[in-house]
Amino acid sequence: MKIAVKSDNAITQIYLKDLEHKKIPISQNANIDIPHGWYELCVEYTGQKTEIHDILINDTSIEYLIYTGYYKDGSGNIHQPATAVWDEGGVFRIWIHTEIGLLYQRTFDSIRNGDFGTNLFEKYMLTVDRPLKIDQSWDNRLKSFFNYANGPYWWYLDDKFTPWKKIALPNFDIDQLISELNDWCPHYNEKNDGTWCIRQFKPGGSELPFIDPKDIPNNSIKTLIDSIGYKRLIDVSVQTLKPGASIKIHRDDHYKRQAYPYMKGCKKFYWACQDAEGVYMKLGRSGLLPLNHPLLINTVEHSHAVIHQGKNIRTSILAYGEL
């Protein structure tokens, strides 16, 4: 493979980073012996502002795909569209593939015509699915699922296929909130030989009708629902997962439910609020979820799985409602 970066000033500091963050120094237009796959091409600022005009992979221009790149300046701010380097510590970054045809396919599959040359981060989120080598004791399906990396993907925001997004919540007394939810939710179920336990408001799964707001017993639960952004609540649960347990690869099949219009897309609230260390949840092509944040996630359109390699029982709060 050969890579050439065309610019108005000579570029000397370029390198690739693979999906495991390994840095690979490269030279302009020189043959590189690297495995087939995705790489982040990085061009560093070296003392003078430099405009990048084109990037060639094996002597073939990537044309306007260059606008999927972005500049991260020395202060950590992201600029797009930006095809230049201009300050100390700044780096231009763009995801490329060893097969230019696959690069084009992935880009056109995820970015709409007319959006190139604009700030993609205003309309899309960029995820990077990286390999995770989990303990050898796990099922072969799980080991393969977590180890295989899909690489980068641009997802249109507020779309049926948007995988996840972070949400901001006020400060809660977590122990009190969990206790109040457990007291309010009457239905209890154990799965996977008792390693996955669910305390839920409704029996058998989330479905209409909506829960009457007058039936929500206390202010902390009401504050949680309001902070998520739900206008009306369908269901809520507290779920625990024991160390060494897993939830197999699956996809939530809610298509035939009356509540499906309120479930499709990125609408499930998911908050791993206690002891999530060592817990990994992979959501299809988008990769590992940032479980250190409360999230809205899309488990209807994306296959997913969970493993617990930590030491303590993980507790999560899940909910569905009308956004």
C-alpha atoms as a PDB file:
ATOM      1  CA  MET A   1       0.000   0.000   0.000  1.00  0.00           C
ATOM      2  CA  LYS A   2       1.137   3.568  -0.727  1.00  0.00           C
ATOM      3  CA  ILE A   3      -0.173   6.831   0.697  1.00  0.00           C
ATOM      4  CA  ALA A   4       0.592  10.310  -0.610  1.00  0.00           C
ATOM      5  CA  VAL A   5      -0.588  13.584   0.939  1.00  0.00           C
ATOM      6  CA  LYS A   6      -0.572  16.483  -1.521  1.00  0.00           C
ATOM      7  CA  SER A   7      -0.124  19.922   0.046  1.00  0.00           C
ATOM      8  CA  ASP A   8       1.173  23.437  -0.539  1.00  0.00           C
ATOM      9  CA  ASN A   9       4.117  22.896   1.842  1.00  0.00           C
ATOM     10  CA  ALA A  10       6.178  19.764   2.326  1.00  0.00           C
ATOM     11  CA  ILE A  11       4.687  17.380   4.903  1.00  0.00           C
ATOM     12  CA  THR A  12       7.128  15.323   6.943  1.00  0.00           C
ATOM     13  CA  GLN A  13       5.228  14.155  10.042  1.00  0.00           C
ATOM     14  CA  ILE A  14       2.627  11.611   8.921  1.00  0.00           C
ATOM     15  CA  TYR A  15       1.686   8.310  10.459  1.00  0.00           C
ATOM     16  CA  LEU A  16      -1.107   5.761  10.713  1.00  0.00           C
ATOM     17  CA  LYS A  17      -2.886   4.508  13.816  1.00  0.00           C
ATOM     18  CA  ASP A  18      -4.566   1.133  13.671  1.00  0.00           C
ATOM     19  CA  LEU A  19      -7.756   0.156  15.478  1.00  0.00           C
ATOM     20  CA  GLU A  20      -5.728  -0.856  18.533  1.00  0.00           C
ATOM     21  CA  HIS A  21      -4.114   2.628  18.680  1.00  0.00           C
ATOM     22  CA  LYS A  22      -0.739   1.334  17.451  1.00  0.00           C
ATOM     23  CA  LYS A  23       1.229   4.142  15.768  1.00  0.00           C
ATOM     24  CA  ILE A  24       2.824   3.284  12.410  1.00  0.00           C
ATOM     25  CA  PRO A  25       5.246   5.905  10.971  1.00  0.00           C
ATOM     26  CA  ILE A  26       5.088   6.136   7.194  1.00  0.00           C
ATOM     27  CA  SER A  27       6.850   7.983   4.401  1.00  0.00           C
ATOM     28  CA  GLN A  28       5.218   9.806   1.521  1.00  0.00           C
ATOM     29  CA  ASN A  29       4.349   7.541  -1.422  1.00  0.00           C
ATOM     30  CA  ALA A  30       6.439   4.651  -0.082  1.00  0.00           C
ATOM     31  CA  ASN A  31       5.264   1.056   0.006  1.00  0.00           C
ATOM     32  CA  ILE A  32       3.871   0.053   3.409  1.00  0.00           C
ATOM     33  CA  ASP A  33       3.449  -3.556   4.458  1.00  0.00           C
ATOM     34  CA  ILE A  34       0.434  -3.460   6.762  1.00  0.00           C
ATOM     35  CA  PRO A  35      -2.529  -5.787   7.335  1.00  0.00           C
ATOM     36  CA  HIS A  36      -5.754  -5.222   5.413  1.00  0.00           C
ATOM     37  CA  GLY A  37      -8.121  -2.904   7.284  1.00  0.00           C
ATOM     38  CA  TRP A  38      -8.952   0.533   8.676  1.00  0.00           C
ATOM     39  CA  TYR A  39      -6.356   3.110   9.705  1.00  0.00           C
ATOM     40  CA  GLU A  40      -6.451   6.672  10.957  1.00  0.00           C
ATOM     41  CA  LEU A  41      -4.116   8.813   8.852  1.00  0.00           C
ATOM     42  CA  CYS A  42      -2.600  11.605  10.941  1.00  0.00           C
ATOM     43  CA  VAL A  43      -0.772  14.690   9.684  1.00  0.00           C
ATOM     44  CA  GLU A  44       0.950  16.774  12.361  1.00  0.00           C
ATOM     45  CA  TYR A  45       1.657  20.489  12.411  1.00  0.00           C
ATOM     46  CA  THR A  46       5.427  21.067  12.141  1.00  0.00           C
ATOM     47  CA  GLY A  47       5.850  24.822  12.348  1.00  0.00           C
ATOM     48  CA  GLN A  48       4.011  26.301   9.374  1.00  0.00           C
ATOM     49  CA  LYS A  49       0.432  26.377   8.229  1.00  0.00           C
ATOM     50  CA  THR A  50      -0.089  23.802   5.507  1.00  0.00           C
ATOM     51  CA  GLU A  51      -3.089  23.267   3.248  1.00  0.00           C
ATOM     52  CA  ILE A  52      -3.817  19.667   2.301  1.00  0.00           C
ATOM     53  CA  HIS A  53      -5.126  19.420  -1.251  1.00  0.00           C
ATOM     54  CA  ASP A  54      -5.530  15.695  -1.801  1.00  0.00           C
ATOM     55  CA  ILE A  55      -4.812  12.229  -0.427  1.00  0.00           C
ATOM     56  CA  LEU A  56      -3.896   9.343  -2.703  1.00  0.00           C
ATOM     57  CA  ILE A  57      -4.149   5.653  -1.845  1.00  0.00           C
ATOM     58  CA  ASN A  58      -2.144   3.495  -4.233  1.00  0.00           C
ATOM     59  CA  ASP A  59      -1.909   6.445  -6.639  1.00  0.00           C
ATOM     60  CA  THR A  60      -5.687   6.996  -6.599  1.00  0.00           C
ATOM     61  CA  SER A  61      -7.239  10.191  -5.250  1.00  0.00           C
ATOM     62  CA  ILE A  62      -9.887   9.934  -2.531  1.00  0.00           C
ATOM     63  CA  GLU A  63     -11.418  13.100  -4.045  1.00  0.00           C
ATOM     64  CA  TYR A  64     -13.999  14.819  -1.852  1.00  0.00           C
ATOM     65  CA  LEU A  65     -13.848  12.036   0.742  1.00  0.00           C
ATOM     66  CA  ILE A  66     -11.069  14.216   2.141  1.00  0.00           C
ATOM     67  CA  TYR A  67     -13.874  16.202   3.820  1.00  0.00           C
ATOM     68  CA  THR A  68     -14.520  13.302   6.192  1.00  0.00           C
ATOM     69  CA  GLY A  69     -11.258  14.333   7.832  1.00  0.00           C
ATOM     70  CA  TYR A  70     -11.066  16.922  10.568  1.00  0.00           C
ATOM     71  CA  TYR A  71      -8.502  19.007  12.392  1.00  0.00           C
ATOM     72  CA  LYS A  72      -7.953  18.717  16.147  1.00  0.00           C
ATOM     73  CA  ASP A  73      -6.075  21.821  17.231  1.00  0.00           C
ATOM     74  CA  GLY A  74      -3.503  22.135  19.987  1.00  0.00           C
ATOM     75  CA  SER A  75      -6.225  23.003  22.514  1.00  0.00           C
ATOM     76  CA  GLY A  76      -8.260  19.910  21.670  1.00  0.00           C
ATOM     77  CA  ASN A  77     -10.948  21.682  19.639  1.00  0.00           C
ATOM     78  CA  ILE A  78     -12.293  19.927  16.535  1.00  0.00           C
ATOM     79  CA  HIS A  79     -12.657  21.827  13.261  1.00  0.00           C
ATOM     80  CA  GLN A  80     -14.593  20.668  10.209  1.00  0.00           C
ATOM     81  CA  PRO A  81     -14.545  21.230   7.305  1.00  0.00           C
ATOM     82  CA  ALA A  82     -10.812  21.597   7.678  1.00  0.00           C
ATOM     83  CA  THR A  83      -8.087  20.271   5.361  1.00  0.00           C
ATOM     84  CA  ALA A  84      -5.089  22.015   6.903  1.00  0.00           C
ATOM     85  CA  VAL A  85      -2.781  22.079   9.918  1.00  0.00           C
ATOM     86  CA  TRP A  86      -2.100  25.407  11.593  1.00  0.00           C
ATOM     87  CA  ASP A  87      -1.096  25.387  15.259  1.00  0.00           C
ATOM     88  CA  GLU A  88       1.339  23.749  17.677  1.00  0.00           C
ATOM     89  CA  GLY A  89       0.087  20.344  18.751  1.00  0.00           C
ATOM     90  CA  GLY A  90      -2.579  20.220  16.035  1.00  0.00           C
ATOM     91  CA  VAL A  91      -3.242  17.101  13.945  1.00  0.00           C
ATOM     92  CA  PHE A  92      -5.337  16.509  10.833  1.00  0.00           C
ATOM     93  CA  ARG A  93      -7.047  13.120  11.075  1.00  0.00           C
ATOM     94  CA  ILE A  94      -8.945  11.027   8.548  1.00  0.00           C
ATOM     95  CA  TRP A  95     -10.015   7.382   8.460  1.00  0.00           C
ATOM     96  CA  ILE A  96      -8.882   5.420   5.405  1.00  0.00           C
ATOM     97  CA  HIS A  97      -8.941   1.787   4.326  1.00  0.00           C
ATOM     98  CA  THR A  98      -6.356  -0.318   2.526  1.00  0.00           C
ATOM     99  CA  GLU A  99      -9.040  -0.992  -0.103  1.00  0.00           C
ATOM    100  CA  ILE A 100     -10.131   2.339  -1.568  1.00  0.00           C
ATOM    101  CA  GLY A 101     -13.334   0.843  -2.962  1.00  0.00           C
ATOM    102  CA  LEU A 102     -14.403  -0.252   0.517  1.00  0.00           C
ATOM    103  CA  LEU A 103     -13.581   3.244   1.800  1.00  0.00           C
ATOM    104  CA  TYR A 104     -15.965   4.701  -0.787  1.00  0.00           C
ATOM    105  CA  GLN A 105     -18.672   2.152   0.011  1.00  0.00           C
ATOM    106  CA  ARG A 106     -18.554   2.794   3.768  1.00  0.00           C
ATOM    107  CA  THR A 107     -18.546   6.555   3.250  1.00  0.00           C
ATOM    108  CA  PHE A 108     -21.486   6.574   0.838  1.00  0.00           C
ATOM    109  CA  ASP A 109     -23.403   4.110   3.021  1.00  0.00           C
ATOM    110  CA  SER A 110     -23.241   6.515   5.930  1.00  0.00           C
ATOM    111  CA  ILE A 111     -22.978  10.115   4.624  1.00  0.00           C
ATOM    112  CA  ARG A 112     -25.682  11.743   2.530  1.00  0.00           C
ATOM    113  CA  ASN A 113     -24.935  13.458  -0.761  1.00  0.00           C
ATOM    114  CA  GLY A 114     -24.614  17.185  -0.305  1.00  0.00           C
ATOM    115  CA  ASP A 115     -23.107  16.952   3.186  1.00  0.00           C
ATOM    116  CA  PHE A 116     -19.472  16.703   2.061  1.00  0.00           C
ATOM    117  CA  GLY A 117     -17.651  19.944   2.710  1.00  0.00           C
ATOM    118  CA  THR A 118     -19.876  20.814   5.670  1.00  0.00           C
ATOM    119  CA  ASN A 119     -19.343  20.255   9.384  1.00  0.00           C
ATOM    120  CA  LEU A 120     -20.382  16.606   9.558  1.00  0.00           C
ATOM    121  CA  PHE A 121     -20.398  16.670  13.358  1.00  0.00           C
ATOM    122  CA  GLU A 122     -23.472  18.913  13.257  1.00  0.00           C
ATOM    123  CA  LYS A 123     -25.518  16.196  11.513  1.00  0.00           C
ATOM    124  CA  TYR A 124     -23.663  12.967  12.333  1.00  0.00           C
ATOM    125  CA  MET A 125     -21.850  11.147  15.099  1.00  0.00           C
ATOM    126  CA  LEU A 126     -18.621   9.286  14.370  1.00  0.00           C
ATOM    127  CA  THR A 127     -18.085   5.957  16.098  1.00  0.00           C
ATOM    128  CA  VAL A 128     -15.069   3.678  15.850  1.00  0.00           C
ATOM    129  CA  ASP A 129     -15.556  -0.006  16.600  1.00  0.00           C
ATOM    130  CA  ARG A 130     -12.255  -1.342  17.953  1.00  0.00           C
ATOM    131  CA  PRO A 131     -11.295  -4.921  18.838  1.00  0.00           C
ATOM    132  CA  LEU A 132     -11.667  -6.071  22.434  1.00  0.00           C
ATOM    133  CA  LYS A 133      -9.917  -9.277  23.375  1.00  0.00           C
ATOM    134  CA  ILE A 134     -11.986 -10.684  26.208  1.00  0.00           C
ATOM    135  CA  ASP A 135     -11.095 -13.560  28.546  1.00  0.00           C
ATOM    136  CA  GLN A 136     -10.665 -16.926  26.881  1.00  0.00           C
ATOM    137  CA  SER A 137     -13.275 -18.480  29.161  1.00  0.00           C
ATOM    138  CA  TRP A 138     -16.119 -16.763  27.304  1.00  0.00           C
ATOM    139  CA  ASP A 139     -18.238 -18.458  24.657  1.00  0.00           C
ATOM    140  CA  ASN A 140     -16.660 -18.473  21.170  1.00  0.00           C
ATOM    141  CA  ARG A 141     -19.532 -16.394  19.813  1.00  0.00           C
ATOM    142  CA  LEU A 142     -18.853 -13.649  22.346  1.00  0.00           C
ATOM    143  CA  LYS A 143     -15.092 -13.758  21.831  1.00  0.00           C
ATOM    144  CA  SER A 144     -15.552 -13.373  18.089  1.00  0.00           C
ATOM    145  CA  PHE A 145     -18.216 -10.652  18.453  1.00  0.00           C
ATOM    146  CA  PHE A 146     -16.102  -8.462  20.714  1.00  0.00           C
ATOM    147  CA  ASN A 147     -12.802  -9.118  18.920  1.00  0.00           C
ATOM    148  CA  TYR A 148     -14.017  -8.306  15.405  1.00  0.00           C
ATOM    149  CA  ALA A 149     -13.776  -4.577  14.686  1.00  0.00           C
ATOM    150  CA  ASN A 150     -15.975  -2.778  12.153  1.00  0.00           C
ATOM    151  CA  GLY A 151     -13.885   0.397  12.259  1.00  0.00           C
ATOM    152  CA  PRO A 152     -15.282   3.906  11.720  1.00  0.00           C
ATOM    153  CA  TYR A 153     -18.873   4.762  10.867  1.00  0.00           C
ATOM    154  CA  TRP A 154     -20.750   8.040  10.497  1.00  0.00           C
ATOM    155  CA  TRP A 155     -24.322   7.893  11.850  1.00  0.00           C
ATOM    156  CA  TYR A 156     -26.980  10.437  10.977  1.00  0.00           C
ATOM    157  CA  LEU A 157     -28.316  12.044  14.156  1.00  0.00           C
ATOM    158  CA  ASP A 158     -31.905  11.453  15.295  1.00  0.00           C
ATOM    159  CA  ASP A 159     -32.324   8.735  12.686  1.00  0.00           C
ATOM    160  CA  LYS A 160     -33.843   5.256  12.940  1.00  0.00           C
ATOM    161  CA  PHE A 161     -30.298   3.803  12.992  1.00  0.00           C
ATOM    162  CA  THR A 162     -28.549   6.289  15.319  1.00  0.00           C
ATOM    163  CA  PRO A 163     -26.867   3.878  17.773  1.00  0.00           C
ATOM    164  CA  TRP A 164     -26.563   5.872  21.002  1.00  0.00           C
ATOM    165  CA  LYS A 165     -26.160   9.284  22.555  1.00  0.00           C
ATOM    166  CA  LYS A 166     -25.125  10.621  25.930  1.00  0.00           C
ATOM    167  CA  ILE A 167     -27.642  12.464  28.061  1.00  0.00           C
ATOM    168  CA  ALA A 168     -27.143  14.775  31.031  1.00  0.00           C
ATOM    169  CA  LEU A 169     -28.841  13.986  34.326  1.00  0.00           C
ATOM    170  CA  PRO A 170     -28.961  15.912  37.597  1.00  0.00           C
ATOM    171  CA  ASN A 171     -27.186  14.486  40.616  1.00  0.00           C
ATOM    172  CA  PHE A 172     -29.086  11.637  42.239  1.00  0.00           C
ATOM    173  CA  ASP A 173     -28.640   9.696  45.431  1.00  0.00           C
ATOM    174  CA  ILE A 174     -28.185   6.447  43.478  1.00  0.00           C
ATOM    175  CA  ASP A 175     -28.873   4.116  46.414  1.00  0.00           C
ATOM    176  CA  GLN A 176     -32.090   5.970  47.215  1.00  0.00           C
ATOM    177  CA  LEU A 177     -33.218   6.047  43.575  1.00  0.00           C
ATOM    178  CA  ILE A 178     -32.629   2.320  43.135  1.00  0.00           C
ATOM    179  CA  SER A 179     -34.434   1.569  46.395  1.00  0.00           C
ATOM    180  CA  GLU A 180     -37.446   3.659  45.347  1.00  0.00           C
ATOM    181  CA  LEU A 181     -37.577   1.996  41.921  1.00  0.00           C
ATOM    182  CA  ASN A 182     -37.339  -1.456  43.477  1.00  0.00           C
ATOM    183  CA  ASP A 183     -40.189  -0.607  45.843  1.00  0.00           C
ATOM    184  CA  TRP A 184     -42.331   0.732  42.993  1.00  0.00           C
ATOM    185  CA  CYS A 185     -41.710  -2.048  40.417  1.00  0.00           C
ATOM    186  CA  PRO A 186     -43.708  -5.139  41.456  1.00  0.00           C
ATOM    187  CA  HIS A 187     -42.552  -7.693  38.879  1.00  0.00           C
ATOM    188  CA  TYR A 188     -39.371  -9.719  39.377  1.00  0.00           C
ATOM    189  CA  ASN A 189     -37.704 -12.129  36.954  1.00  0.00           C
ATOM    190  CA  GLU A 190     -34.428 -14.048  36.910  1.00  0.00           C
ATOM    191  CA  LYS A 191     -32.667 -15.086  33.711  1.00  0.00           C
ATOM    192  CA  ASN A 192     -29.498 -17.003  32.801  1.00  0.00           C
ATOM    193  CA  ASP A 193     -29.566 -19.199  35.929  1.00  0.00           C
ATOM    194  CA  GLY A 194     -30.164 -16.247  38.204  1.00  0.00           C
ATOM    195  CA  THR A 195     -27.146 -14.213  37.059  1.00  0.00           C
ATOM    196  CA  TRP A 196     -29.315 -11.558  35.361  1.00  0.00           C
ATOM    197  CA  CYS A 197     -32.130 -10.233  37.549  1.00  0.00           C
ATOM    198  CA  ILE A 198     -34.852  -7.795  36.507  1.00  0.00           C
ATOM    199  CA  ARG A 199     -37.210  -5.773  38.717  1.00  0.00           C
ATOM    200  CA  GLN A 200     -39.738  -4.200  36.349  1.00  0.00           C
ATOM    201  CA  PHE A 201     -42.923  -2.126  36.521  1.00  0.00           C
ATOM    202  CA  LYS A 202     -44.764  -4.123  33.870  1.00  0.00           C
ATOM    203  CA  PRO A 203     -44.843  -7.919  33.538  1.00  0.00           C
ATOM    204  CA  GLY A 204     -43.324  -9.692  30.570  1.00  0.00           C
ATOM    205  CA  GLY A 205     -41.884  -6.735  28.687  1.00  0.00           C
ATOM    206  CA  SER A 206     -42.422  -3.089  27.861  1.00  0.00           C
ATOM    207  CA  GLU A 207     -45.765  -2.395  26.197  1.00  0.00           C
ATOM    208  CA  LEU A 208     -48.551   0.162  26.072  1.00  0.00           C
ATOM    209  CA  PRO A 209     -50.536   1.681  27.709  1.00  0.00           C
ATOM    210  CA  PHE A 210     -48.458   4.531  29.047  1.00  0.00           C
ATOM    211  CA  ILE A 211     -48.036   4.768  32.796  1.00  0.00           C
ATOM    212  CA  ASP A 212     -50.240   7.451  34.278  1.00  0.00           C
ATOM    213  CA  PRO A 213     -47.989  10.195  35.720  1.00  0.00           C
ATOM    214  CA  LYS A 214     -50.166  10.130  38.849  1.00  0.00           C
ATOM    215  CA  ASP A 215     -48.967   6.553  39.439  1.00  0.00           C
ATOM    216  CA  ILE A 216     -45.321   7.619  39.714  1.00  0.00           C
ATOM    217  CA  PRO A 217     -44.924   7.706  43.494  1.00  0.00           C
ATOM    218  CA  ASN A 218     -42.137  10.135  44.259  1.00  0.00           C
ATOM    219  CA  ASN A 219     -40.233  13.129  42.980  1.00  0.00           C
ATOM    220  CA  SER A 220     -36.890  11.423  42.341  1.00  0.00           C
ATOM    221  CA  ILE A 221     -38.415   8.978  39.843  1.00  0.00           C
ATOM    222  CA  LYS A 222     -40.416  11.812  38.247  1.00  0.00           C
ATOM    223  CA  THR A 223     -37.227  13.887  38.005  1.00  0.00           C
ATOM    224  CA  LEU A 224     -35.400  10.983  36.354  1.00  0.00           C
ATOM    225  CA  ILE A 225     -38.142  10.504  33.735  1.00  0.00           C
ATOM    226  CA  ASP A 226     -38.333  14.245  33.026  1.00  0.00           C
ATOM    227  CA  SER A 227     -34.520  14.522  32.770  1.00  0.00           C
ATOM    228  CA  ILE A 228     -34.359  11.684  30.250  1.00  0.00           C
ATOM    229  CA  GLY A 229     -36.789  13.681  28.121  1.00  0.00           C
ATOM    230  CA  TYR A 230     -39.734  11.302  28.210  1.00  0.00           C
ATOM    231  CA  LYS A 231     -43.129  12.986  27.895  1.00  0.00           C
ATOM    232  CA  ARG A 232     -44.843   9.757  28.950  1.00  0.00           C
ATOM    233  CA  LEU A 233     -43.382   6.606  30.457  1.00  0.00           C
ATOM    234  CA  ILE A 234     -43.957   3.118  29.033  1.00  0.00           C
ATOM    235  CA  ASP A 235     -41.878   1.027  31.427  1.00  0.00           C
ATOM    236  CA  VAL A 236     -38.879   1.122  33.746  1.00  0.00           C
ATOM    237  CA  SER A 237     -36.707  -1.555  35.319  1.00  0.00           C
ATOM    238  CA  VAL A 238     -33.745  -2.085  37.620  1.00  0.00           C
ATOM    239  CA  GLN A 239     -31.467  -4.841  36.351  1.00  0.00           C
ATOM    240  CA  THR A 240     -28.474  -6.515  37.980  1.00  0.00           C
ATOM    241  CA  LEU A 241     -25.777  -8.657  36.383  1.00  0.00           C
ATOM    242  CA  LYS A 242     -23.427 -10.820  38.397  1.00  0.00           C
ATOM    243  CA  PRO A 243     -19.666 -11.061  37.746  1.00  0.00           C
ATOM    244  CA  GLY A 244     -18.866 -13.733  35.177  1.00  0.00           C
ATOM    245  CA  ALA A 245     -22.311 -13.416  33.611  1.00  0.00           C
ATOM    246  CA  SER A 246     -23.185 -12.426  30.075  1.00  0.00           C
ATOM    247  CA  ILE A 247     -26.142 -11.516  27.906  1.00  0.00           C
ATOM    248  CA  LYS A 248     -25.860 -13.302  24.578  1.00  0.00           C
ATOM    249  CA  ILE A 249     -25.747 -11.631  21.171  1.00  0.00           C
ATOM    250  CA  HIS A 250     -29.265 -10.617  20.235  1.00  0.00           C
ATOM    251  CA  ARG A 251     -31.468  -7.854  18.916  1.00  0.00           C
ATOM    252  CA  ASP A 252     -34.571  -6.544  20.670  1.00  0.00           C
ATOM    253  CA  ASP A 253     -37.529  -7.610  18.556  1.00  0.00           C
ATOM    254  CA  HIS A 254     -40.268  -5.091  19.333  1.00  0.00           C
ATOM    255  CA  TYR A 255     -41.661  -4.736  15.804  1.00  0.00           C
ATOM    256  CA  LYS A 256     -45.040  -6.277  16.556  1.00  0.00           C
ATOM    257  CA  ARG A 257     -45.659  -4.354  19.768  1.00  0.00           C
ATOM    258  CA  GLN A 258     -48.102  -1.483  19.960  1.00  0.00           C
ATOM    259  CA  ALA A 259     -45.311   0.508  21.588  1.00  0.00           C
ATOM    260  CA  TYR A 260     -42.939   0.025  18.626  1.00  0.00           C
ATOM    261  CA  PRO A 261     -43.347   3.613  17.303  1.00  0.00           C
ATOM    262  CA  TYR A 262     -42.039   4.819  20.674  1.00  0.00           C
ATOM    263  CA  MET A 263     -39.224   2.228  20.788  1.00  0.00           C
ATOM    264  CA  LYS A 264     -37.733   2.371  17.309  1.00  0.00           C
ATOM    265  CA  GLY A 265     -34.517   4.309  17.033  1.00  0.00           C
ATOM    266  CA  CYS A 266     -32.302   5.642  19.799  1.00  0.00           C
ATOM    267  CA  LYS A 267     -34.928   5.748  22.558  1.00  0.00           C
ATOM    268  CA  LYS A 268     -34.084   3.198  25.266  1.00  0.00           C
ATOM    269  CA  PHE A 269     -32.700   4.755  28.439  1.00  0.00           C
ATOM    270  CA  TYR A 270     -29.708   2.806  29.743  1.00  0.00           C
ATOM    271  CA  TRP A 271     -27.742   3.822  32.824  1.00  0.00           C
ATOM    272  CA  ALA A 272     -25.147   1.476  34.304  1.00  0.00           C
ATOM    273  CA  CYS A 273     -25.311   3.444  37.520  1.00  0.00           C
ATOM    274  CA  GLN A 274     -23.483   1.138  39.942  1.00  0.00           C
ATOM    275  CA  ASP A 275     -20.357  -1.022  39.659  1.00  0.00           C
ATOM    276  CA  ALA A 276     -20.003  -1.008  35.871  1.00  0.00           C
ATOM    277  CA  GLU A 277     -16.232  -1.505  36.021  1.00  0.00           C
ATOM    278  CA  GLY A 278     -15.295  -4.541  33.949  1.00  0.00           C
ATOM    279  CA  VAL A 279     -18.665  -4.580  32.169  1.00  0.00           C
ATOM    280  CA  TYR A 280     -18.627  -4.277  28.377  1.00  0.00           C
ATOM    281  CA  MET A 281     -21.595  -3.817  26.082  1.00  0.00           C
ATOM    282  CA  LYS A 282     -21.067  -3.830  22.341  1.00  0.00           C
ATOM    283  CA  LEU A 283     -23.757  -2.313  20.126  1.00  0.00           C
ATOM    284  CA  GLY A 284     -23.266  -3.685  16.614  1.00  0.00           C
ATOM    285  CA  ARG A 285     -21.101  -1.669  14.216  1.00  0.00           C
ATOM    286  CA  SER A 286     -20.921   1.257  16.624  1.00  0.00           C
ATOM    287  CA  GLY A 287     -18.722  -0.699  19.030  1.00  0.00           C
ATOM    288  CA  LEU A 288     -18.444  -0.485  22.810  1.00  0.00           C
ATOM    289  CA  LEU A 289     -20.865   1.775  24.625  1.00  0.00           C
ATOM    290  CA  PRO A 290     -19.435   4.445  26.983  1.00  0.00           C
ATOM    291  CA  LEU A 291     -21.057   2.964  30.069  1.00  0.00           C
ATOM    292  CA  ASN A 292     -19.620   5.677  32.312  1.00  0.00           C
ATOM    293  CA  HIS A 293     -22.409   7.938  31.002  1.00  0.00           C
ATOM    294  CA  PRO A 294     -26.207   7.673  31.103  1.00  0.00           C
ATOM    295  CA  LEU A 295     -27.323   6.932  27.553  1.00  0.00           C
ATOM    296  CA  LEU A 296     -30.139   6.598  25.100  1.00  0.00           C
ATOM    297  CA  ILE A 297     -29.419   3.504  23.026  1.00  0.00           C
ATOM    298  CA  ASN A 298     -30.850   1.734  19.978  1.00  0.00           C
ATOM    299  CA  THR A 299     -31.162  -1.977  20.679  1.00  0.00           C
ATOM    300  CA  VAL A 300     -33.992  -2.532  18.189  1.00  0.00           C
ATOM    301  CA  GLU A 301     -31.887  -1.906  15.073  1.00  0.00           C
ATOM    302  CA  HIS A 302     -28.491  -3.091  16.352  1.00  0.00           C
ATOM    303  CA  SER A 303     -27.363  -6.483  17.611  1.00  0.00           C
ATOM    304  CA  HIS A 304     -25.686  -6.302  21.007  1.00  0.00           C
ATOM    305  CA  ALA A 305     -24.211  -8.318  23.841  1.00  0.00           C
ATOM    306  CA  VAL A 306     -22.947  -7.760  27.390  1.00  0.00           C
ATOM    307  CA  ILE A 307     -20.175  -9.428  29.379  1.00  0.00           C
ATOM    308  CA  HIS A 308     -19.209  -8.862  33.006  1.00  0.00           C
ATOM    309  CA  GLN A 309     -15.503  -9.319  33.736  1.00  0.00           C
ATOM    310  CA  GLY A 310     -15.600  -7.191  36.899  1.00  0.00           C
ATOM    311  CA  LYS A 311     -15.785  -8.112  40.576  1.00  0.00           C
ATOM    312  CA  ASN A 312     -19.068  -6.594  41.783  1.00  0.00           C
ATOM    313  CA  ILE A 313     -22.720  -6.943  40.827  1.00  0.00           C
ATOM    314  CA  ARG A 314     -23.561  -4.311  38.208  1.00  0.00           C
ATOM    315  CA  THR A 315     -26.814  -2.389  38.564  1.00  0.00           C
ATOM    316  CA  SER A 316     -28.504  -0.608  35.658  1.00  0.00           C
ATOM    317  CA  ILE A 317     -31.685   1.390  35.212  1.00  0.00           C
ATOM    318  CA  LEU A 318     -33.527   0.921  31.910  1.00  0.00           C
ATOM    319  CA  ALA A 319     -36.645   2.644  30.613  1.00  0.00           C
ATOM    320  CA  TYR A 320     -38.776   3.291  27.543  1.00  0.00           C
ATOM    321  CA  GLY A 321     -41.046   6.249  26.956  1.00  0.00           C
ATOM    322  CA  GLU A 322     -42.275   8.831  24.491  1.00  0.00           C
ATOM    323  CA  LEU A 323     -39.555  11.329  23.611  1.00  0.00           C
END
